[in-house]
Amino acid sequence: MRWLHSLSRIAFVCNLFFLLSALLQWTDFIKNEAVVSTIVIAGYVLAIFLFSPLVNVLYGAHWLLRKNLFAVVPRWLVFSNVFFLLLQIFFIIFYLNDTFHH
């Protein structure tokens, strides 16, 4: 089950890139376009559409199978990945679907 712990850490790092890429929408404090594009790809594509949903589905499968998830993945990592998934859902619903920010 070390693979779930490693996958959770990758999802957490991508979720941090999600926060950074959301911040880059309002302020452009990084002038290197190659770095910005890498942050945006890791933040939006990898975090929102790949790692965050995948890890949380695996957490749910562990919970449904009545396995002890916290024996495999630290509690703070599970809670932070679930929090980031909820934050990303709210971001998609309330920010990307907003008609006034265009």
Protein backbone atom coordinates (compact mmCIF):
# COMPACT_ATOMS: atom_id res chain seq x y z
CA MET A 1 0.00 0.00 0.00
CA ARG A 2 3.00 2.31 -0.26
CA TRP A 3 1.76 3.21 -3.72
CA LEU A 4 -1.29 4.94 -2.23
CA HIS A 5 0.95 6.96 0.08
CA SER A 6 3.17 7.97 -2.84
CA LEU A 7 0.17 8.81 -5.00
CA SER A 8 -1.26 10.90 -2.17
CA ARG A 9 1.97 12.88 -1.93
CA ILE A 10 1.98 13.49 -5.68
CA ALA A 11 -1.63 14.67 -5.47
CA PHE A 12 -0.73 17.00 -2.61
CA VAL A 13 2.11 18.59 -4.59
CA CYS A 14 -0.17 19.01 -7.61
CA ASN A 15 -2.79 20.56 -5.33
CA LEU A 16 -0.22 23.10 -4.16
CA PHE A 17 0.42 23.90 -7.81
CA PHE A 18 -3.35 24.36 -8.18
CA LEU A 19 -3.26 27.05 -5.50
CA LEU A 20 -0.32 28.70 -7.19
CA SER A 21 -1.95 28.62 -10.62
CA ALA A 22 -5.18 30.06 -9.20
CA LEU A 23 -3.11 32.85 -7.66
CA LEU A 24 -1.44 33.45 -11.02
CA GLN A 25 -4.83 34.31 -12.50
CA TRP A 26 -5.00 37.45 -10.38
CA THR A 27 -1.34 38.49 -10.16
CA ASP A 28 1.45 37.73 -12.58
CA PHE A 29 4.43 37.62 -10.25
CA ILE A 30 6.38 35.01 -12.23
CA LYS A 31 7.76 36.50 -15.44
CA ASN A 32 9.12 33.31 -17.01
CA GLU A 33 6.41 31.95 -19.31
CA ALA A 34 7.83 28.41 -19.36
CA VAL A 35 7.62 28.21 -15.57
CA VAL A 36 4.09 29.65 -15.58
CA SER A 37 2.90 27.14 -18.18
CA THR A 38 4.40 24.26 -16.19
CA ILE A 39 2.67 25.48 -13.02
CA VAL A 40 -0.65 25.85 -14.82
CA ILE A 41 -0.46 22.39 -16.38
CA ALA A 42 0.46 20.79 -13.05
CA GLY A 43 -2.14 22.84 -11.20
CA TYR A 44 -5.13 22.61 -13.46
CA VAL A 45 -4.70 19.49 -15.57
CA LEU A 46 -2.84 17.15 -13.24
CA ALA A 47 -4.49 18.27 -10.00
CA ILE A 48 -8.10 18.88 -11.03
CA PHE A 49 -8.56 16.22 -13.68
CA LEU A 50 -6.16 13.45 -12.72
CA PHE A 51 -4.58 13.06 -9.30
CA SER A 52 -7.05 14.70 -6.95
CA PRO A 53 -10.14 12.79 -8.13
CA LEU A 54 -8.18 9.54 -8.45
CA VAL A 55 -6.74 9.72 -4.94
CA ASN A 56 -10.09 10.62 -3.41
CA VAL A 57 -11.82 7.75 -5.21
CA LEU A 58 -9.17 5.42 -3.81
CA TYR A 59 -9.77 6.89 -0.34
CA GLY A 60 -13.47 6.19 -0.79
CA ALA A 61 -12.76 2.63 -1.89
CA HIS A 62 -10.65 2.10 1.23
CA TRP A 63 -13.46 3.48 3.34
CA LEU A 64 -16.07 1.26 1.66
CA LEU A 65 -13.90 -1.83 2.11
CA ARG A 66 -13.56 -0.94 5.81
CA LYS A 67 -9.77 -0.88 5.61
CA ASN A 68 -7.76 1.38 7.88
CA LEU A 69 -6.70 4.17 5.55
CA PHE A 70 -4.80 6.05 8.24
CA ALA A 71 -2.44 3.11 8.69
CA VAL A 72 -1.28 3.69 5.10
CA VAL A 73 -1.59 7.45 4.57
CA PRO A 74 -1.09 10.11 7.27
CA ARG A 75 -4.28 11.72 8.51
CA TRP A 76 -3.20 15.26 7.54
CA LEU A 77 -2.51 14.15 3.96
CA VAL A 78 -5.92 12.53 3.59
CA PHE A 79 -7.74 15.55 5.01
CA SER A 80 -5.76 18.02 2.91
CA ASN A 81 -6.39 16.08 -0.32
CA VAL A 82 -10.11 15.89 0.44
CA PHE A 83 -10.12 19.62 1.25
CA PHE A 84 -8.36 20.42 -2.02
CA LEU A 85 -10.87 18.34 -3.98
CA LEU A 86 -13.74 20.30 -2.42
CA LEU A 87 -11.91 23.55 -3.15
CA GLN A 88 -11.42 22.51 -6.77
CA ILE A 89 -15.09 21.62 -7.13
CA PHE A 90 -16.07 25.03 -5.79
CA PHE A 91 -13.53 26.64 -8.11
CA ILE A 92 -15.03 24.93 -11.14
CA ILE A 93 -18.63 25.63 -10.16
CA PHE A 94 -18.39 29.18 -8.90
CA TYR A 95 -15.41 30.70 -10.71
CA LEU A 96 -15.12 29.02 -14.08
CA ASN A 97 -18.88 29.05 -14.65
CA ASP A 98 -19.21 32.69 -13.61
CA THR A 99 -20.32 34.89 -16.49
CA PHE A 100 -18.97 38.13 -15.02
CA HIS A 101 -15.25 37.39 -14.84
CA HIS A 102 -14.72 37.08 -18.61
